Amino acid sequence: MEAQKLELLESRVLKAINEISRLKEDNTRLKAEIEELQKRATDKEGQISTLSKEAQKLEEQSVKSQQLLQEREEIRLKIESLLDKLEKIDII
C-alpha cells in the first residue's frame, strides 16, 4: 500500500515537472512573440507618423492648388472684362 502511494506521488510529481517544463517553453515562445509584435507595432507607428506627415503636406498642397486655381479664374474674368471694355471703346 505504501509503495503504491509513493508511485502515485512520483507519477503526479513527474506530471507536474513535465507541465512546468512545457509552460516554461510556452512562456519563452510567447515572450519572443510579444517582443516581435512590439517591434512590428513600433515600426507601424513610425510608418503611420510618416504617412500622416505626407497626408498633411498633400492637404496643404491641395489647398494651395485650389487658391491658385481661384486666382487664375479671377484673373481670367478680369481680362475678359478688360477685353469687353476695349471692344466697346473700338465700337464707339
N, C-alpha and C. Protein backbone atom coordinates (compact mmCIF):
# COMPACT_ATOMS: atom_id res chain seq x y z
N MET A 1 0.81 -1.19 0.00
CA MET A 1 0.00 0.00 0.00
C MET A 1 0.86 1.27 0.00
N GLU A 2 1.88 1.29 0.85
CA GLU A 2 2.79 2.43 0.95
C GLU A 2 3.52 2.65 -0.37
N ALA A 3 3.90 1.59 -1.04
CA ALA A 3 4.62 1.68 -2.30
C ALA A 3 3.72 2.28 -3.38
N GLN A 4 2.46 1.90 -3.37
CA GLN A 4 1.52 2.44 -4.36
C GLN A 4 1.34 3.95 -4.18
N LYS A 5 1.26 4.37 -2.94
CA LYS A 5 1.12 5.80 -2.66
C LYS A 5 2.35 6.56 -3.14
N LEU A 6 3.52 5.98 -2.93
CA LEU A 6 4.76 6.62 -3.39
C LEU A 6 4.81 6.67 -4.91
N GLU A 7 4.38 5.59 -5.56
CA GLU A 7 4.37 5.57 -7.02
C GLU A 7 3.38 6.60 -7.56
N LEU A 8 2.23 6.71 -6.95
CA LEU A 8 1.23 7.68 -7.36
C LEU A 8 1.77 9.10 -7.17
N LEU A 9 2.42 9.34 -6.02
CA LEU A 9 3.01 10.63 -5.76
C LEU A 9 4.10 10.94 -6.77
N GLU A 10 4.93 9.92 -7.04
CA GLU A 10 6.00 10.10 -8.02
C GLU A 10 5.43 10.43 -9.41
N SER A 11 4.36 9.74 -9.76
CA SER A 11 3.71 9.97 -11.05
C SER A 11 3.18 11.40 -11.13
N ARG A 12 2.54 11.85 -10.08
CA ARG A 12 1.99 13.20 -10.05
C ARG A 12 3.11 14.26 -10.09
N VAL A 13 4.20 14.00 -9.38
CA VAL A 13 5.32 14.94 -9.37
C VAL A 13 5.94 15.02 -10.77
N LEU A 14 6.10 13.87 -11.42
CA LEU A 14 6.65 13.86 -12.78
C LEU A 14 5.74 14.60 -13.76
N LYS A 15 4.43 14.40 -13.62
CA LYS A 15 3.48 15.13 -14.47
C LYS A 15 3.60 16.64 -14.24
N ALA A 16 3.72 17.01 -12.97
CA ALA A 16 3.85 18.43 -12.63
C ALA A 16 5.15 18.99 -13.22
N ILE A 17 6.22 18.23 -13.12
CA ILE A 17 7.51 18.67 -13.67
C ILE A 17 7.39 18.84 -15.19
N ASN A 18 6.78 17.86 -15.84
CA ASN A 18 6.60 17.95 -17.30
C ASN A 18 5.73 19.15 -17.68
N GLU A 19 4.67 19.37 -16.91
CA GLU A 19 3.79 20.50 -17.18
C GLU A 19 4.52 21.83 -16.99
N ILE A 20 5.32 21.90 -15.92
CA ILE A 20 6.11 23.12 -15.67
C ILE A 20 7.10 23.36 -16.80
N SER A 21 7.74 22.32 -17.28
CA SER A 21 8.69 22.44 -18.40
C SER A 21 7.98 22.94 -19.65
N ARG A 22 6.80 22.36 -19.92
CA ARG A 22 6.03 22.78 -21.09
C ARG A 22 5.60 24.24 -20.96
N LEU A 23 5.17 24.63 -19.78
CA LEU A 23 4.74 26.01 -19.56
C LEU A 23 5.91 26.98 -19.70
N LYS A 24 7.09 26.58 -19.25
CA LYS A 24 8.27 27.43 -19.41
C LYS A 24 8.60 27.62 -20.89
N GLU A 25 8.50 26.55 -21.66
CA GLU A 25 8.75 26.65 -23.11
C GLU A 25 7.72 27.57 -23.77
N ASP A 26 6.46 27.38 -23.39
CA ASP A 26 5.40 28.25 -23.93
C ASP A 26 5.67 29.70 -23.55
N ASN A 27 6.07 29.93 -22.32
CA ASN A 27 6.33 31.28 -21.84
C ASN A 27 7.47 31.92 -22.64
N THR A 28 8.53 31.18 -22.87
CA THR A 28 9.67 31.67 -23.65
C THR A 28 9.23 32.01 -25.07
N ARG A 29 8.47 31.11 -25.66
CA ARG A 29 7.98 31.34 -27.03
C ARG A 29 7.07 32.56 -27.08
N LEU A 30 6.18 32.69 -26.12
CA LEU A 30 5.25 33.82 -26.10
C LEU A 30 5.97 35.14 -25.86
N LYS A 31 6.99 35.13 -25.01
CA LYS A 31 7.77 36.35 -24.79
C LYS A 31 8.46 36.79 -26.07
N ALA A 32 9.00 35.84 -26.82
CA ALA A 32 9.65 36.16 -28.10
C ALA A 32 8.62 36.71 -29.09
N GLU A 33 7.44 36.11 -29.08
CA GLU A 33 6.37 36.57 -29.97
C GLU A 33 5.92 37.99 -29.60
N ILE A 34 5.80 38.24 -28.32
CA ILE A 34 5.43 39.59 -27.85
C ILE A 34 6.48 40.60 -28.27
N GLU A 35 7.74 40.25 -28.10
CA GLU A 35 8.83 41.15 -28.48
C GLU A 35 8.77 41.47 -29.98
N GLU A 36 8.53 40.46 -30.78
CA GLU A 36 8.43 40.66 -32.23
C GLU A 36 7.23 41.53 -32.57
N LEU A 37 6.10 41.28 -31.92
CA LEU A 37 4.90 42.09 -32.18
C LEU A 37 5.10 43.54 -31.74
N GLN A 38 5.80 43.74 -30.63
CA GLN A 38 6.07 45.10 -30.19
C GLN A 38 6.98 45.82 -31.18
N LYS A 39 7.95 45.10 -31.71
CA LYS A 39 8.84 45.69 -32.71
C LYS A 39 8.05 46.06 -33.96
N ARG A 40 7.18 45.18 -34.41
CA ARG A 40 6.36 45.46 -35.58
C ARG A 40 5.43 46.65 -35.32
N ALA A 41 4.87 46.72 -34.11
CA ALA A 41 3.98 47.83 -33.76
C ALA A 41 4.74 49.15 -33.79
N THR A 42 5.96 49.14 -33.27
CA THR A 42 6.78 50.36 -33.30
C THR A 42 7.08 50.77 -34.73
N ASP A 43 7.40 49.80 -35.58
CA ASP A 43 7.65 50.09 -36.99
C ASP A 43 6.40 50.68 -37.66
N LYS A 44 5.26 50.09 -37.36
CA LYS A 44 4.00 50.57 -37.95
C LYS A 44 3.67 51.97 -37.46
N GLU A 45 3.95 52.27 -36.19
CA GLU A 45 3.72 53.61 -35.66
C GLU A 45 4.59 54.63 -36.41
N GLY A 46 5.82 54.25 -36.71
CA GLY A 46 6.70 55.12 -37.49
C GLY A 46 6.15 55.35 -38.88
N GLN A 47 5.64 54.29 -39.50
CA GLN A 47 5.06 54.42 -40.83
C GLN A 47 3.82 55.30 -40.80
N ILE A 48 3.01 55.13 -39.77
CA ILE A 48 1.80 55.94 -39.64
C ILE A 48 2.17 57.42 -39.49
N SER A 49 3.19 57.68 -38.69
CA SER A 49 3.64 59.05 -38.49
C SER A 49 4.11 59.66 -39.80
N THR A 50 4.89 58.91 -40.55
CA THR A 50 5.39 59.38 -41.84
C THR A 50 4.24 59.64 -42.81
N LEU A 51 3.30 58.70 -42.86
CA LEU A 51 2.16 58.85 -43.77
C LEU A 51 1.28 60.04 -43.36
N SER A 52 1.15 60.24 -42.07
CA SER A 52 0.36 61.36 -41.57
C SER A 52 0.99 62.69 -42.00
N LYS A 53 2.31 62.78 -41.88
CA LYS A 53 3.01 63.99 -42.30
C LYS A 53 2.85 64.20 -43.80
N GLU A 54 2.96 63.12 -44.57
CA GLU A 54 2.81 63.23 -46.03
C GLU A 54 1.38 63.65 -46.39
N ALA A 55 0.39 63.10 -45.67
CA ALA A 55 -1.00 63.47 -45.93
C ALA A 55 -1.23 64.94 -45.63
N GLN A 56 -0.62 65.42 -44.57
CA GLN A 56 -0.75 66.83 -44.22
C GLN A 56 -0.14 67.71 -45.32
N LYS A 57 1.03 67.31 -45.82
CA LYS A 57 1.66 68.07 -46.90
C LYS A 57 0.78 68.07 -48.15
N LEU A 58 0.19 66.91 -48.45
CA LEU A 58 -0.69 66.84 -49.62
C LEU A 58 -1.92 67.73 -49.44
N GLU A 59 -2.45 67.76 -48.24
CA GLU A 59 -3.61 68.62 -47.96
C GLU A 59 -3.23 70.09 -48.16
N GLU A 60 -2.05 70.47 -47.65
CA GLU A 60 -1.59 71.84 -47.81
C GLU A 60 -1.40 72.18 -49.30
N GLN A 61 -0.84 71.23 -50.06
CA GLN A 61 -0.64 71.46 -51.49
C GLN A 61 -1.98 71.56 -52.21
N SER A 62 -2.94 70.77 -51.78
CA SER A 62 -4.27 70.81 -52.38
C SER A 62 -4.93 72.17 -52.14
N VAL A 63 -4.81 72.67 -50.92
CA VAL A 63 -5.37 73.99 -50.59
C VAL A 63 -4.68 75.06 -51.44
N LYS A 64 -3.37 74.98 -51.53
CA LYS A 64 -2.60 75.95 -52.33
C LYS A 64 -3.02 75.88 -53.80
N SER A 65 -3.20 74.68 -54.29
CA SER A 65 -3.62 74.49 -55.67
C SER A 65 -5.01 75.11 -55.90
N GLN A 66 -5.92 74.89 -54.97
CA GLN A 66 -7.26 75.48 -55.08
C GLN A 66 -7.20 77.00 -55.08
N GLN A 67 -6.33 77.56 -54.23
CA GLN A 67 -6.17 79.01 -54.18
C GLN A 67 -5.64 79.53 -55.52
N LEU A 68 -4.66 78.83 -56.06
CA LEU A 68 -4.09 79.26 -57.35
C LEU A 68 -5.12 79.17 -58.46
N LEU A 69 -5.93 78.12 -58.44
CA LEU A 69 -6.98 78.00 -59.46
C LEU A 69 -8.02 79.11 -59.33
N GLN A 70 -8.34 79.46 -58.09
CA GLN A 70 -9.29 80.54 -57.86
C GLN A 70 -8.70 81.87 -58.36
N GLU A 71 -7.44 82.11 -58.04
CA GLU A 71 -6.78 83.33 -58.51
C GLU A 71 -6.74 83.36 -60.04
N ARG A 72 -6.47 82.22 -60.63
CA ARG A 72 -6.42 82.14 -62.10
C ARG A 72 -7.77 82.51 -62.69
N GLU A 73 -8.84 81.99 -62.10
CA GLU A 73 -10.19 82.29 -62.59
C GLU A 73 -10.50 83.78 -62.44
N GLU A 74 -10.10 84.36 -61.32
CA GLU A 74 -10.32 85.79 -61.11
C GLU A 74 -9.57 86.62 -62.17
N ILE A 75 -8.35 86.23 -62.45
CA ILE A 75 -7.55 86.93 -63.47
C ILE A 75 -8.20 86.77 -64.84
N ARG A 76 -8.67 85.58 -65.14
CA ARG A 76 -9.34 85.33 -66.43
C ARG A 76 -10.57 86.22 -66.58
N LEU A 77 -11.36 86.31 -65.50
CA LEU A 77 -12.55 87.15 -65.55
C LEU A 77 -12.18 88.63 -65.72
N LYS A 78 -11.14 89.08 -65.06
CA LYS A 78 -10.70 90.48 -65.20
C LYS A 78 -10.24 90.76 -66.63
N ILE A 79 -9.51 89.83 -67.19
CA ILE A 79 -9.03 90.01 -68.58
C ILE A 79 -10.21 90.05 -69.54
N GLU A 80 -11.18 89.17 -69.33
CA GLU A 80 -12.37 89.18 -70.19
C GLU A 80 -13.09 90.52 -70.08
N SER A 81 -13.19 91.01 -68.85
CA SER A 81 -13.85 92.30 -68.63
C SER A 81 -13.09 93.42 -69.34
N LEU A 82 -11.78 93.40 -69.22
CA LEU A 82 -10.97 94.41 -69.89
C LEU A 82 -11.10 94.31 -71.41
N LEU A 83 -11.11 93.09 -71.92
CA LEU A 83 -11.26 92.91 -73.37
C LEU A 83 -12.63 93.41 -73.83
N ASP A 84 -13.66 93.15 -73.04
CA ASP A 84 -15.00 93.64 -73.38
C ASP A 84 -15.01 95.17 -73.42
N LYS A 85 -14.36 95.78 -72.45
CA LYS A 85 -14.30 97.24 -72.41
C LYS A 85 -13.53 97.77 -73.60
N LEU A 86 -12.43 97.11 -73.95
CA LEU A 86 -11.66 97.53 -75.12
C LEU A 86 -12.48 97.40 -76.40
N GLU A 87 -13.25 96.35 -76.51
CA GLU A 87 -14.11 96.16 -77.68
C GLU A 87 -15.16 97.28 -77.76
N LYS A 88 -15.72 97.64 -76.63
CA LYS A 88 -16.73 98.71 -76.61
C LYS A 88 -16.11 100.05 -77.02
N ILE A 89 -14.89 100.26 -76.60
CA ILE A 89 -14.19 101.51 -76.96
C ILE A 89 -14.00 101.56 -78.47
N ASP A 90 -13.63 100.44 -79.06
CA ASP A 90 -13.41 100.39 -80.51
C ASP A 90 -14.72 100.61 -81.26
N ILE A 91 -15.80 100.13 -80.72
CA ILE A 91 -17.10 100.25 -81.39
C ILE A 91 -17.58 101.70 -81.33
N ILE A 92 -17.37 102.35 -80.24
CA ILE A 92 -17.88 103.73 -80.06
C ILE A 92 -17.04 104.63 -80.83
